[in-house]
């Protein structure tokens, strides 16, 4: 299977005028690491859940066959949210999310609450 999956990084508007319009709070600058995949440079991060990931139907089926990422147990509490939110791909499937360095800004997605960066 593939070790890497393409994804997005969340960001929020800071709203308080600290000199930056947007904030990526889940990974600091020192939490990104470069990795070469297929001759192209990508960034991977310490907190891979920050944002989302994508896969083709065939990749999704292969991931599920290997590590049952589509099987969400019916349990109470935040663990179900974690599993349903995509963590299973990283925790149990050995994948790492990557973002292309060349056009990194195109892989940022606005996290609408605009409050989480301030609370962390």
Foldseek 3Di string as FASTA:
>chain_A
DDQEFEAAAEWEQQPPPPPDRIGRQPFDPVQWDWDDDPNFIWIFGPPQLRGTTDDDPVVVVVQCVVFNLVDQDPDDDCVSVCSVSPCCCVPPRNHTYIYGPVPNVVRYDYDPVRCVSVVD
